[in-house]
Amino acid sequence: MTSIEFITLDVADPEAAAHFYAAAFGLDTELRFRAAQEPSTGFRGYTLSLTVAQPADADAYLDAAVAAGATVLKPAAKSMWGYGGVVQAPDGAIWKVATSAKKNSGPATKRFESLVLLLGVANIGAAKRFYVDHGLPVAKSFGPVYVEFDTGSGPIKLALYKRRALAKDAGVPADGTGSHRLTIGGSETFTDPDGFAWTPATQPADR
């Protein structure tokens, strides 16, 4: 089985990025940073999502992210599916914090239930087959719209969404070119049909 042990983000300043993610989301071992600035314009084709228990928790994370330097792409609000908002980190990565709950059940906490990497892909069926062939069993599938994989005991979940729909959900135009500025740390080395690269989890990063 292929699991995701961490995600490496290409950033201008690894130390500053580490400080931001610790202050905003309390993340440490889930992320690594590499000093690199490959050409990249517009939407990078992915989002990262923190799932939380209640709206107050989402607000706590989003407020902390903005205080640490993030830009609001979608203010926190109720929706048909629950409650959440979207911000963009100083390095350009897009983060959504959301909950299926619409009411608070207790005091706010900065504790998330799951960290999900959503890849925006051109063809859900082709990407799904690719990942199944690389050892990721399907946990949920909604036709040609959305697929979620079983990543076992790894700290990061993986899901596929159509690129244009993912960009709309993030509040940005779907157009983008160049590097994804993201590498997935798993158990194998490969590149998927949409150009997302995986590398063994033992490979070092700048931080």
Foldseek 3Di string as FASTA:
>chain_A
DKAFQAKEFAFQDQVLVQVLCCQQQVDDRRYGYADDDWDKDFALFKAKEFEAAAPLQQVSNVVRNVVSPWAWLFPWDQDPQEIWGWIAHPRGHIYIYTYSHNHDPDHHDSDTDAMEMEGADQWQVQQVVVVVVVPWDWPDDDPRAKTWTCNDPHRYTYMYGHQCVVCVVNNTGSDMDIHSSMETAICDFDATPRGHTYDHNPDDHPD
